[in-house]
Amino acid sequence: MNQTDKEVISIFEETQALLKGHFILRSGLRSEHFFQCAQVCQHLDKVNRLAELLIEKIPWSQVDLIIAPAMGGLVIGQEMARQLGSRFIFLEKVNDKLALRRNFMIHPKDRVLLVEDVVTKGGRVREAINIINKHPCDFLGAVSLVDRSVEPINFGITFMSLLKMNFPTYSVDQLPEHLQSIPATKPGS
């Protein structure tokens, strides 16, 4: 584990954003670890630092527009946009599907970066990619604070994360014995 990984994990632990227990993930899978990024987002000094670290990792020096799916990517996306001097918009849920609303525009010359908080299976990122791909722009790629996927995800675009941690996930019918006795919770991201 490198120094940046240690710092990021420390930030998540300090802010109680890295939880241990029995959790129901958005994907429906179960895990004994949960990244509740809303906890770290209460501490803007920590969000500032996480954005700095993520920006150091990206290969793009010019980003015109950052797009984040609601709710998870809002705070980190907005902070990255502030630090990069970029415009920021978000996608929001309408009938549990992401949508571009509020007269937000993706312009043809925009160099666009998609920002998410945590990726497990990549469903929301795929939805966001489909929306962005409907607009003629320079779509640079996608980033997340945490990539907790077990298997590599191919979004068809460049994807990178600040922290790669693939805690095991389980289907309900394949829970390990030690999790079966702990009530499952769905804390939200």
N, C-alpha and C. Protein backbone atom coordinates (compact mmCIF):
# COMPACT_ATOMS: atom_id res chain seq x y z
N MET A 1 0.84 -1.18 0.00
CA MET A 1 0.00 0.00 0.00
C MET A 1 0.89 1.25 0.00
N ASN A 2 0.64 2.15 -0.96
CA ASN A 2 1.49 3.34 -1.06
C ASN A 2 1.01 4.43 -0.08
N GLN A 3 1.78 5.51 0.01
CA GLN A 3 1.51 6.59 0.97
C GLN A 3 0.16 7.26 0.70
N THR A 4 -0.19 7.46 -0.57
CA THR A 4 -1.48 8.07 -0.91
C THR A 4 -2.63 7.19 -0.45
N ASP A 5 -2.54 5.88 -0.71
CA ASP A 5 -3.58 4.96 -0.25
C ASP A 5 -3.75 5.05 1.26
N LYS A 6 -2.63 5.07 1.98
CA LYS A 6 -2.69 5.16 3.45
C LYS A 6 -3.37 6.45 3.88
N GLU A 7 -3.04 7.55 3.22
CA GLU A 7 -3.65 8.84 3.57
C GLU A 7 -5.15 8.82 3.30
N VAL A 8 -5.55 8.28 2.17
CA VAL A 8 -6.98 8.23 1.81
C VAL A 8 -7.74 7.35 2.80
N ILE A 9 -7.21 6.19 3.11
CA ILE A 9 -7.87 5.30 4.08
C ILE A 9 -7.97 5.99 5.44
N SER A 10 -6.92 6.68 5.83
CA SER A 10 -6.92 7.41 7.10
C SER A 10 -8.03 8.47 7.11
N ILE A 11 -8.19 9.18 6.02
CA ILE A 11 -9.25 10.19 5.91
C ILE A 11 -10.62 9.53 6.05
N PHE A 12 -10.82 8.41 5.38
CA PHE A 12 -12.11 7.71 5.47
C PHE A 12 -12.36 7.20 6.88
N GLU A 13 -11.33 6.69 7.54
CA GLU A 13 -11.51 6.18 8.90
C GLU A 13 -11.75 7.31 9.89
N GLU A 14 -10.99 8.41 9.77
CA GLU A 14 -11.15 9.56 10.67
C GLU A 14 -12.56 10.14 10.62
N THR A 15 -13.14 10.13 9.45
CA THR A 15 -14.46 10.74 9.26
C THR A 15 -15.59 9.71 9.38
N GLN A 16 -15.24 8.49 9.74
CA GLN A 16 -16.19 7.39 9.87
C GLN A 16 -16.94 7.12 8.56
N ALA A 17 -16.23 7.30 7.47
CA ALA A 17 -16.80 7.01 6.15
C ALA A 17 -16.53 5.57 5.71
N LEU A 18 -15.61 4.91 6.36
CA LEU A 18 -15.34 3.49 6.08
C LEU A 18 -15.93 2.70 7.23
N LEU A 19 -17.06 2.04 6.96
CA LEU A 19 -17.81 1.34 7.99
C LEU A 19 -17.58 -0.16 7.92
N LYS A 20 -17.74 -0.82 9.05
CA LYS A 20 -17.64 -2.28 9.11
C LYS A 20 -18.92 -2.81 9.74
N GLY A 21 -19.46 -3.89 9.16
CA GLY A 21 -20.71 -4.48 9.63
C GLY A 21 -21.26 -5.40 8.55
N HIS A 22 -22.57 -5.34 8.31
CA HIS A 22 -23.23 -6.12 7.25
C HIS A 22 -24.11 -5.16 6.47
N PHE A 23 -23.73 -4.91 5.21
CA PHE A 23 -24.36 -3.85 4.44
C PHE A 23 -24.95 -4.37 3.13
N ILE A 24 -26.05 -3.75 2.74
CA ILE A 24 -26.67 -4.00 1.45
C ILE A 24 -26.21 -2.90 0.52
N LEU A 25 -25.49 -3.26 -0.53
CA LEU A 25 -24.99 -2.29 -1.49
C LEU A 25 -26.07 -1.94 -2.50
N ARG A 26 -25.91 -0.82 -3.21
CA ARG A 26 -26.87 -0.41 -4.23
C ARG A 26 -27.07 -1.51 -5.27
N SER A 27 -26.03 -2.28 -5.53
CA SER A 27 -26.10 -3.38 -6.49
C SER A 27 -26.97 -4.53 -5.99
N GLY A 28 -27.33 -4.52 -4.70
CA GLY A 28 -28.07 -5.63 -4.11
C GLY A 28 -27.16 -6.65 -3.44
N LEU A 29 -25.88 -6.58 -3.73
CA LEU A 29 -24.92 -7.47 -3.10
C LEU A 29 -24.70 -7.06 -1.64
N ARG A 30 -24.11 -7.95 -0.88
CA ARG A 30 -23.82 -7.70 0.54
C ARG A 30 -22.32 -7.58 0.73
N SER A 31 -21.92 -6.80 1.75
CA SER A 31 -20.51 -6.62 2.07
C SER A 31 -20.37 -6.35 3.56
N GLU A 32 -19.19 -6.66 4.09
CA GLU A 32 -18.96 -6.29 5.49
C GLU A 32 -18.20 -4.97 5.61
N HIS A 33 -17.95 -4.33 4.48
CA HIS A 33 -17.36 -2.99 4.46
C HIS A 33 -18.22 -2.08 3.60
N PHE A 34 -18.30 -0.82 3.99
CA PHE A 34 -19.13 0.13 3.26
C PHE A 34 -18.46 1.49 3.27
N PHE A 35 -18.36 2.09 2.09
CA PHE A 35 -17.86 3.46 2.00
C PHE A 35 -19.06 4.39 2.01
N GLN A 36 -19.24 5.10 3.09
CA GLN A 36 -20.33 6.06 3.19
C GLN A 36 -19.72 7.45 3.00
N CYS A 37 -19.52 7.79 1.74
CA CYS A 37 -18.81 9.02 1.41
C CYS A 37 -19.50 10.28 1.93
N ALA A 38 -20.79 10.20 2.20
CA ALA A 38 -21.49 11.36 2.77
C ALA A 38 -20.84 11.77 4.09
N GLN A 39 -20.28 10.81 4.81
CA GLN A 39 -19.62 11.13 6.08
C GLN A 39 -18.38 11.99 5.86
N VAL A 40 -17.56 11.64 4.90
CA VAL A 40 -16.36 12.43 4.64
C VAL A 40 -16.74 13.79 4.06
N CYS A 41 -17.85 13.86 3.36
CA CYS A 41 -18.27 15.12 2.72
C CYS A 41 -18.73 16.18 3.70
N GLN A 42 -18.88 15.83 4.97
CA GLN A 42 -19.19 16.82 6.01
C GLN A 42 -17.97 17.66 6.33
N HIS A 43 -16.81 17.17 5.98
CA HIS A 43 -15.54 17.79 6.36
C HIS A 43 -14.87 18.33 5.10
N LEU A 44 -15.13 19.58 4.81
CA LEU A 44 -14.67 20.14 3.53
C LEU A 44 -13.16 20.20 3.42
N ASP A 45 -12.45 20.27 4.53
CA ASP A 45 -10.99 20.21 4.45
C ASP A 45 -10.54 18.84 3.94
N LYS A 46 -11.26 17.78 4.33
CA LYS A 46 -10.94 16.43 3.86
C LYS A 46 -11.33 16.27 2.38
N VAL A 47 -12.48 16.83 2.01
CA VAL A 47 -12.91 16.79 0.61
C VAL A 47 -11.88 17.52 -0.26
N ASN A 48 -11.42 18.67 0.23
CA ASN A 48 -10.40 19.43 -0.47
C ASN A 48 -9.16 18.57 -0.73
N ARG A 49 -8.73 17.86 0.30
CA ARG A 49 -7.53 17.03 0.16
C ARG A 49 -7.76 15.86 -0.78
N LEU A 50 -8.91 15.20 -0.67
CA LEU A 50 -9.20 14.09 -1.58
C LEU A 50 -9.23 14.57 -3.03
N ALA A 51 -9.82 15.73 -3.26
CA ALA A 51 -9.85 16.29 -4.62
C ALA A 51 -8.44 16.59 -5.11
N GLU A 52 -7.60 17.16 -4.26
CA GLU A 52 -6.20 17.43 -4.63
C GLU A 52 -5.51 16.15 -5.06
N LEU A 53 -5.68 15.10 -4.26
CA LEU A 53 -5.03 13.83 -4.56
C LEU A 53 -5.54 13.21 -5.85
N LEU A 54 -6.84 13.32 -6.09
CA LEU A 54 -7.42 12.77 -7.32
C LEU A 54 -6.96 13.58 -8.53
N ILE A 55 -6.90 14.89 -8.40
CA ILE A 55 -6.44 15.74 -9.50
C ILE A 55 -4.98 15.43 -9.84
N GLU A 56 -4.16 15.17 -8.82
CA GLU A 56 -2.75 14.80 -9.08
C GLU A 56 -2.64 13.54 -9.93
N LYS A 57 -3.64 12.69 -9.84
CA LYS A 57 -3.60 11.40 -10.51
C LYS A 57 -4.09 11.45 -11.97
N ILE A 58 -4.91 12.43 -12.30
CA ILE A 58 -5.49 12.46 -13.65
C ILE A 58 -4.49 13.01 -14.66
N PRO A 59 -4.53 12.53 -15.89
CA PRO A 59 -3.57 12.97 -16.90
C PRO A 59 -4.01 14.23 -17.67
N TRP A 60 -5.18 14.78 -17.38
CA TRP A 60 -5.69 15.89 -18.16
C TRP A 60 -5.43 17.21 -17.44
N SER A 61 -4.81 18.12 -18.13
CA SER A 61 -4.52 19.43 -17.53
C SER A 61 -5.65 20.42 -17.79
N GLN A 62 -6.44 20.18 -18.81
CA GLN A 62 -7.54 21.09 -19.15
C GLN A 62 -8.86 20.33 -19.11
N VAL A 63 -9.71 20.69 -18.15
CA VAL A 63 -11.04 20.11 -18.03
C VAL A 63 -12.01 21.29 -18.01
N ASP A 64 -12.93 21.33 -18.97
CA ASP A 64 -13.88 22.44 -19.03
C ASP A 64 -15.13 22.20 -18.20
N LEU A 65 -15.54 20.93 -18.12
CA LEU A 65 -16.80 20.60 -17.47
C LEU A 65 -16.66 19.31 -16.68
N ILE A 66 -17.07 19.37 -15.42
CA ILE A 66 -17.15 18.17 -14.61
C ILE A 66 -18.62 17.85 -14.41
N ILE A 67 -18.95 16.57 -14.62
CA ILE A 67 -20.31 16.08 -14.44
C ILE A 67 -20.28 15.00 -13.37
N ALA A 68 -21.22 15.08 -12.43
CA ALA A 68 -21.30 14.07 -11.37
C ALA A 68 -22.72 13.54 -11.29
N PRO A 69 -22.87 12.23 -11.09
CA PRO A 69 -24.20 11.69 -10.85
C PRO A 69 -24.62 11.96 -9.40
N ALA A 70 -25.88 12.36 -9.22
CA ALA A 70 -26.41 12.58 -7.86
C ALA A 70 -26.68 11.22 -7.25
N MET A 71 -26.50 11.11 -6.05
CA MET A 71 -26.05 12.06 -5.06
C MET A 71 -24.56 11.92 -4.82
N GLY A 72 -24.06 10.71 -4.95
CA GLY A 72 -22.72 10.40 -4.51
C GLY A 72 -21.61 11.30 -4.99
N GLY A 73 -21.61 11.64 -6.26
CA GLY A 73 -20.49 12.39 -6.82
C GLY A 73 -20.57 13.89 -6.68
N LEU A 74 -21.65 14.41 -6.10
CA LEU A 74 -21.87 15.86 -6.08
C LEU A 74 -20.75 16.63 -5.38
N VAL A 75 -20.45 16.29 -4.15
CA VAL A 75 -19.51 17.10 -3.37
C VAL A 75 -18.09 16.99 -3.94
N ILE A 76 -17.62 15.77 -4.22
CA ILE A 76 -16.26 15.63 -4.75
C ILE A 76 -16.18 16.21 -6.16
N GLY A 77 -17.23 16.06 -6.96
CA GLY A 77 -17.23 16.65 -8.31
C GLY A 77 -17.16 18.16 -8.27
N GLN A 78 -17.94 18.75 -7.38
CA GLN A 78 -17.94 20.21 -7.28
C GLN A 78 -16.59 20.73 -6.79
N GLU A 79 -15.99 20.03 -5.83
CA GLU A 79 -14.69 20.47 -5.32
C GLU A 79 -13.60 20.31 -6.39
N MET A 80 -13.65 19.24 -7.16
CA MET A 80 -12.67 19.09 -8.24
C MET A 80 -12.85 20.20 -9.26
N ALA A 81 -14.09 20.54 -9.59
CA ALA A 81 -14.35 21.62 -10.54
C ALA A 81 -13.81 22.94 -10.01
N ARG A 82 -13.99 23.19 -8.71
CA ARG A 82 -13.48 24.43 -8.12
C ARG A 82 -11.97 24.49 -8.25
N GLN A 83 -11.30 23.39 -7.90
CA GLN A 83 -9.84 23.38 -7.95
C GLN A 83 -9.30 23.48 -9.37
N LEU A 84 -10.02 22.92 -10.33
CA LEU A 84 -9.58 22.95 -11.72
C LEU A 84 -10.04 24.18 -12.47
N GLY A 85 -10.91 24.98 -11.85
CA GLY A 85 -11.46 26.16 -12.54
C GLY A 85 -12.43 25.75 -13.63
N SER A 86 -13.13 24.65 -13.42
CA SER A 86 -14.05 24.10 -14.42
C SER A 86 -15.49 24.42 -14.05
N ARG A 87 -16.36 24.31 -15.03
CA ARG A 87 -17.79 24.38 -14.79
C ARG A 87 -18.24 23.05 -14.22
N PHE A 88 -19.33 23.05 -13.43
CA PHE A 88 -19.82 21.83 -12.79
C PHE A 88 -21.32 21.70 -13.00
N ILE A 89 -21.75 20.50 -13.42
CA ILE A 89 -23.17 20.18 -13.48
C ILE A 89 -23.37 18.78 -12.93
N PHE A 90 -24.62 18.43 -12.67
CA PHE A 90 -24.88 17.11 -12.14
C PHE A 90 -26.06 16.47 -12.86
N LEU A 91 -26.06 15.15 -12.80
CA LEU A 91 -27.16 14.35 -13.31
C LEU A 91 -27.98 13.93 -12.10
N GLU A 92 -29.29 13.95 -12.22
CA GLU A 92 -30.13 13.60 -11.08
C GLU A 92 -31.06 12.46 -11.43
N LYS A 93 -31.57 11.82 -10.40
CA LYS A 93 -32.47 10.68 -10.60
C LYS A 93 -33.87 11.16 -10.92
N VAL A 94 -34.45 10.57 -11.95
CA VAL A 94 -35.84 10.75 -12.30
C VAL A 94 -36.38 9.34 -12.50
N ASN A 95 -37.31 8.92 -11.64
CA ASN A 95 -37.82 7.54 -11.66
C ASN A 95 -36.68 6.53 -11.59
N ASP A 96 -35.72 6.82 -10.72
CA ASP A 96 -34.55 5.98 -10.45
C ASP A 96 -33.60 5.82 -11.64
N LYS A 97 -33.70 6.69 -12.62
CA LYS A 97 -32.75 6.73 -13.74
C LYS A 97 -32.10 8.11 -13.75
N LEU A 98 -30.84 8.17 -14.11
CA LEU A 98 -30.17 9.46 -14.21
C LEU A 98 -30.69 10.25 -15.40
N ALA A 99 -30.74 11.57 -15.22
CA ALA A 99 -31.19 12.45 -16.29
C ALA A 99 -30.45 13.78 -16.21
N LEU A 100 -30.24 14.39 -17.35
CA LEU A 100 -29.67 15.73 -17.44
C LEU A 100 -30.85 16.70 -17.44
N ARG A 101 -30.94 17.54 -16.42
CA ARG A 101 -32.09 18.44 -16.26
C ARG A 101 -31.60 19.85 -15.95
N ARG A 102 -32.54 20.69 -15.54
CA ARG A 102 -32.27 22.06 -15.07
C ARG A 102 -31.62 22.94 -16.13
N ASN A 103 -31.85 22.62 -17.37
CA ASN A 103 -31.26 23.36 -18.49
C ASN A 103 -29.74 23.32 -18.50
N PHE A 104 -29.15 22.30 -17.84
CA PHE A 104 -27.71 22.13 -17.92
C PHE A 104 -27.34 21.76 -19.35
N MET A 105 -26.22 22.27 -19.80
CA MET A 105 -25.78 22.06 -21.17
C MET A 105 -24.39 21.43 -21.21
N ILE A 106 -24.20 20.53 -22.14
CA ILE A 106 -22.89 19.99 -22.48
C ILE A 106 -22.59 20.53 -23.87
N HIS A 107 -21.61 21.42 -23.95
CA HIS A 107 -21.30 22.10 -25.21
C HIS A 107 -20.34 21.28 -26.06
N PRO A 108 -20.41 21.42 -27.37
CA PRO A 108 -19.56 20.63 -28.27
C PRO A 108 -18.06 20.75 -28.00
N LYS A 109 -17.60 21.88 -27.54
CA LYS A 109 -16.16 22.05 -27.31
C LYS A 109 -15.74 21.70 -25.89
N ASP A 110 -16.68 21.31 -25.04
CA ASP A 110 -16.35 20.97 -23.66
C ASP A 110 -15.47 19.74 -23.57
N ARG A 111 -14.42 19.86 -22.77
CA ARG A 111 -13.60 18.71 -22.39
C ARG A 111 -14.20 18.23 -21.06
N VAL A 112 -14.87 17.06 -21.09
CA VAL A 112 -15.73 16.62 -20.00
C VAL A 112 -15.08 15.49 -19.19
N LEU A 113 -15.19 15.62 -17.87
CA LEU A 113 -14.73 14.59 -16.95
C LEU A 113 -15.91 14.19 -16.06
N LEU A 114 -16.17 12.91 -15.97
CA LEU A 114 -17.21 12.36 -15.11
C LEU A 114 -16.58 12.00 -13.76
N VAL A 115 -17.20 12.44 -12.66
CA VAL A 115 -16.66 12.21 -11.33
C VAL A 115 -17.71 11.51 -10.47
N GLU A 116 -17.32 10.39 -9.84
CA GLU A 116 -18.21 9.61 -8.97
C GLU A 116 -17.50 9.38 -7.65
N ASP A 117 -18.25 9.02 -6.62
CA ASP A 117 -17.60 8.75 -5.33
C ASP A 117 -17.10 7.31 -5.25
N VAL A 118 -18.00 6.33 -5.31
CA VAL A 118 -17.62 4.93 -5.17
C VAL A 118 -18.20 4.12 -6.33
N VAL A 119 -17.38 3.26 -6.89
CA VAL A 119 -17.83 2.36 -7.97
C VAL A 119 -17.70 0.92 -7.47
N THR A 120 -18.81 0.18 -7.55
CA THR A 120 -18.78 -1.24 -7.20
C THR A 120 -18.97 -2.08 -8.46
N LYS A 121 -20.09 -1.88 -9.13
CA LYS A 121 -20.35 -2.58 -10.38
C LYS A 121 -20.39 -1.60 -11.56
N GLY A 122 -20.52 -0.31 -11.27
CA GLY A 122 -20.45 0.71 -12.31
C GLY A 122 -21.76 1.09 -12.96
N GLY A 123 -22.88 0.72 -12.37
CA GLY A 123 -24.18 1.00 -12.99
C GLY A 123 -24.45 2.48 -13.21
N ARG A 124 -24.24 3.30 -12.19
CA ARG A 124 -24.49 4.75 -12.34
C ARG A 124 -23.49 5.38 -13.30
N VAL A 125 -22.27 4.91 -13.27
CA VAL A 125 -21.27 5.45 -14.21
C VAL A 125 -21.68 5.13 -15.65
N ARG A 126 -22.14 3.92 -15.89
CA ARG A 126 -22.60 3.56 -17.24
C ARG A 126 -23.79 4.43 -17.67
N GLU A 127 -24.72 4.66 -16.76
CA GLU A 127 -25.86 5.53 -17.08
C GLU A 127 -25.37 6.92 -17.46
N ALA A 128 -24.43 7.45 -16.67
CA ALA A 128 -23.90 8.78 -16.93
C ALA A 128 -23.15 8.83 -18.26
N ILE A 129 -22.37 7.80 -18.54
CA ILE A 129 -21.64 7.74 -19.82
C ILE A 129 -22.62 7.78 -20.98
N ASN A 130 -23.71 7.01 -20.89
CA ASN A 130 -24.71 7.00 -21.96
C ASN A 130 -25.31 8.39 -22.18
N ILE A 131 -25.54 9.13 -21.12
CA ILE A 131 -26.07 10.49 -21.26
C ILE A 131 -25.04 11.40 -21.90
N ILE A 132 -23.82 11.35 -21.42
CA ILE A 132 -22.76 12.23 -21.96
C ILE A 132 -22.50 11.91 -23.43
N ASN A 133 -22.53 10.63 -23.79
CA ASN A 133 -22.25 10.23 -25.17
C ASN A 133 -23.31 10.72 -26.16
N LYS A 134 -24.45 11.17 -25.68
CA LYS A 134 -25.48 11.73 -26.56
C LYS A 134 -25.15 13.15 -26.98
N HIS A 135 -24.08 13.71 -26.43
CA HIS A 135 -23.70 15.10 -26.72
C HIS A 135 -22.34 15.12 -27.40
N PRO A 136 -22.20 15.89 -28.46
CA PRO A 136 -20.89 15.98 -29.12
C PRO A 136 -19.94 16.82 -28.26
N CYS A 137 -19.06 16.16 -27.54
CA CYS A 137 -18.09 16.83 -26.68
C CYS A 137 -16.81 16.01 -26.68
N ASP A 138 -15.79 16.52 -26.03
CA ASP A 138 -14.54 15.78 -25.86
C ASP A 138 -14.60 15.10 -24.50
N PHE A 139 -15.10 13.87 -24.48
CA PHE A 139 -15.30 13.12 -23.24
C PHE A 139 -13.97 12.50 -22.84
N LEU A 140 -13.34 13.06 -21.83
CA LEU A 140 -12.01 12.64 -21.41
C LEU A 140 -12.00 11.28 -20.72
N GLY A 141 -12.92 11.10 -19.78
CA GLY A 141 -12.96 9.86 -19.03
C GLY A 141 -13.74 10.02 -17.75
N ALA A 142 -13.59 9.04 -16.86
CA ALA A 142 -14.30 9.03 -15.58
C ALA A 142 -13.32 8.72 -14.46
N VAL A 143 -13.58 9.31 -13.31
CA VAL A 143 -12.78 9.06 -12.12
C VAL A 143 -13.70 8.84 -10.93
N SER A 144 -13.17 8.14 -9.93
CA SER A 144 -13.92 7.97 -8.68
C SER A 144 -12.95 8.03 -7.51
N LEU A 145 -13.49 8.35 -6.35
CA LEU A 145 -12.66 8.30 -5.16
C LEU A 145 -12.24 6.87 -4.88
N VAL A 146 -13.22 5.94 -4.93
CA VAL A 146 -12.95 4.55 -4.59
C VAL A 146 -13.48 3.64 -5.69
N ASP A 147 -12.65 2.71 -6.10
CA ASP A 147 -13.08 1.62 -6.99
C ASP A 147 -13.05 0.36 -6.15
N ARG A 148 -14.25 -0.13 -5.80
CA ARG A 148 -14.32 -1.34 -4.97
C ARG A 148 -14.77 -2.55 -5.78
N SER A 149 -14.66 -2.45 -7.11
CA SER A 149 -15.06 -3.57 -7.96
C SER A 149 -14.15 -4.77 -7.74
N VAL A 150 -14.72 -5.94 -7.84
CA VAL A 150 -13.95 -7.17 -7.68
C VAL A 150 -13.28 -7.52 -9.01
N GLU A 151 -14.04 -7.42 -10.10
CA GLU A 151 -13.49 -7.69 -11.42
C GLU A 151 -13.28 -6.37 -12.15
N PRO A 152 -12.29 -6.31 -13.03
CA PRO A 152 -12.06 -5.07 -13.77
C PRO A 152 -13.32 -4.64 -14.54
N ILE A 153 -13.57 -3.34 -14.53
CA ILE A 153 -14.73 -2.80 -15.23
C ILE A 153 -14.24 -2.09 -16.49
N ASN A 154 -14.86 -2.40 -17.61
CA ASN A 154 -14.53 -1.73 -18.87
C ASN A 154 -15.71 -0.84 -19.25
N PHE A 155 -15.52 0.47 -19.06
CA PHE A 155 -16.56 1.43 -19.40
C PHE A 155 -16.45 1.90 -20.86
N GLY A 156 -15.41 1.46 -21.56
CA GLY A 156 -15.20 1.92 -22.93
C GLY A 156 -14.55 3.29 -22.99
N ILE A 157 -14.18 3.84 -21.84
CA ILE A 157 -13.47 5.12 -21.74
C ILE A 157 -12.40 4.96 -20.66
N THR A 158 -11.51 5.91 -20.56
CA THR A 158 -10.52 5.89 -19.51
C THR A 158 -11.23 6.01 -18.16
N PHE A 159 -10.87 5.13 -17.23
CA PHE A 159 -11.42 5.17 -15.88
C PHE A 159 -10.29 4.97 -14.89
N MET A 160 -10.25 5.80 -13.87
CA MET A 160 -9.26 5.64 -12.81
C MET A 160 -9.88 6.06 -11.48
N SER A 161 -9.31 5.53 -10.42
CA SER A 161 -9.80 5.86 -9.08
C SER A 161 -8.63 6.30 -8.21
N LEU A 162 -8.97 7.02 -7.16
CA LEU A 162 -7.96 7.43 -6.19
C LEU A 162 -7.52 6.23 -5.36
N LEU A 163 -8.47 5.39 -5.00
CA LEU A 163 -8.19 4.24 -4.15
C LEU A 163 -8.86 3.00 -4.73
N LYS A 164 -8.11 1.92 -4.85
CA LYS A 164 -8.66 0.65 -5.32
C LYS A 164 -8.71 -0.30 -4.13
N MET A 165 -9.92 -0.63 -3.71
CA MET A 165 -10.10 -1.58 -2.62
C MET A 165 -11.24 -2.49 -3.00
N ASN A 166 -10.97 -3.75 -3.15
CA ASN A 166 -12.03 -4.66 -3.56
C ASN A 166 -12.38 -5.61 -2.43
N PHE A 167 -13.14 -5.07 -1.47
CA PHE A 167 -13.67 -5.92 -0.41
C PHE A 167 -14.61 -6.94 -1.04
N PRO A 168 -14.63 -8.14 -0.50
CA PRO A 168 -15.53 -9.15 -1.06
C PRO A 168 -17.00 -8.72 -0.94
N THR A 169 -17.77 -9.10 -1.94
CA THR A 169 -19.21 -8.91 -1.91
C THR A 169 -19.86 -10.27 -2.09
N TYR A 170 -21.09 -10.38 -1.59
CA TYR A 170 -21.76 -11.67 -1.59
C TYR A 170 -23.21 -11.51 -2.00
N SER A 171 -23.75 -12.51 -2.67
CA SER A 171 -25.19 -12.55 -2.91
C SER A 171 -25.83 -13.01 -1.60
N VAL A 172 -27.11 -12.71 -1.44
CA VAL A 172 -27.82 -13.03 -0.20
C VAL A 172 -27.74 -14.52 0.12
N ASP A 173 -27.81 -15.36 -0.89
CA ASP A 173 -27.80 -16.81 -0.65
C ASP A 173 -26.39 -17.39 -0.46
N GLN A 174 -25.36 -16.53 -0.52
CA GLN A 174 -23.99 -17.02 -0.33
C GLN A 174 -23.24 -16.23 0.74
N LEU A 175 -23.98 -15.75 1.74
CA LEU A 175 -23.35 -15.00 2.83
C LEU A 175 -22.44 -15.90 3.66
N PRO A 176 -21.27 -15.40 4.04
CA PRO A 176 -20.44 -16.17 4.96
C PRO A 176 -21.15 -16.27 6.32
N GLU A 177 -20.82 -17.30 7.06
CA GLU A 177 -21.50 -17.58 8.33
C GLU A 177 -21.45 -16.39 9.29
N HIS A 178 -20.30 -15.71 9.37
CA HIS A 178 -20.17 -14.61 10.33
C HIS A 178 -21.07 -13.42 9.99
N LEU A 179 -21.49 -13.26 8.74
CA LEU A 179 -22.40 -12.17 8.37
C LEU A 179 -23.87 -12.55 8.56
N GLN A 180 -24.17 -13.84 8.53
CA GLN A 180 -25.56 -14.28 8.64
C GLN A 180 -26.20 -13.87 9.95
N SER A 181 -25.42 -13.72 11.00
CA SER A 181 -25.97 -13.37 12.32
C SER A 181 -26.04 -11.87 12.56
N ILE A 182 -25.52 -11.07 11.62
CA ILE A 182 -25.54 -9.61 11.77
C ILE A 182 -26.65 -9.04 10.89
N PRO A 183 -27.57 -8.26 11.47
CA PRO A 183 -28.63 -7.67 10.64
C PRO A 183 -28.03 -6.77 9.55
N ALA A 184 -28.56 -6.90 8.34
CA ALA A 184 -28.06 -6.10 7.21
C ALA A 184 -28.68 -4.72 7.26
N THR A 185 -27.86 -3.70 6.94
CA THR A 185 -28.36 -2.32 6.85
C THR A 185 -28.01 -1.76 5.49
N LYS A 186 -28.76 -0.75 5.10
CA LYS A 186 -28.52 -0.05 3.84
C LYS A 186 -28.35 1.42 4.18
N PRO A 187 -27.10 1.81 4.53
CA PRO A 187 -26.88 3.16 5.03
C PRO A 187 -26.93 4.28 3.99
N GLY A 188 -26.82 3.96 2.72
CA GLY A 188 -26.77 5.01 1.69
C GLY A 188 -25.36 5.57 1.58
N SER A 189 -25.02 6.05 0.38
CA SER A 189 -23.65 6.50 0.16
C SER A 189 -23.42 7.86 0.77
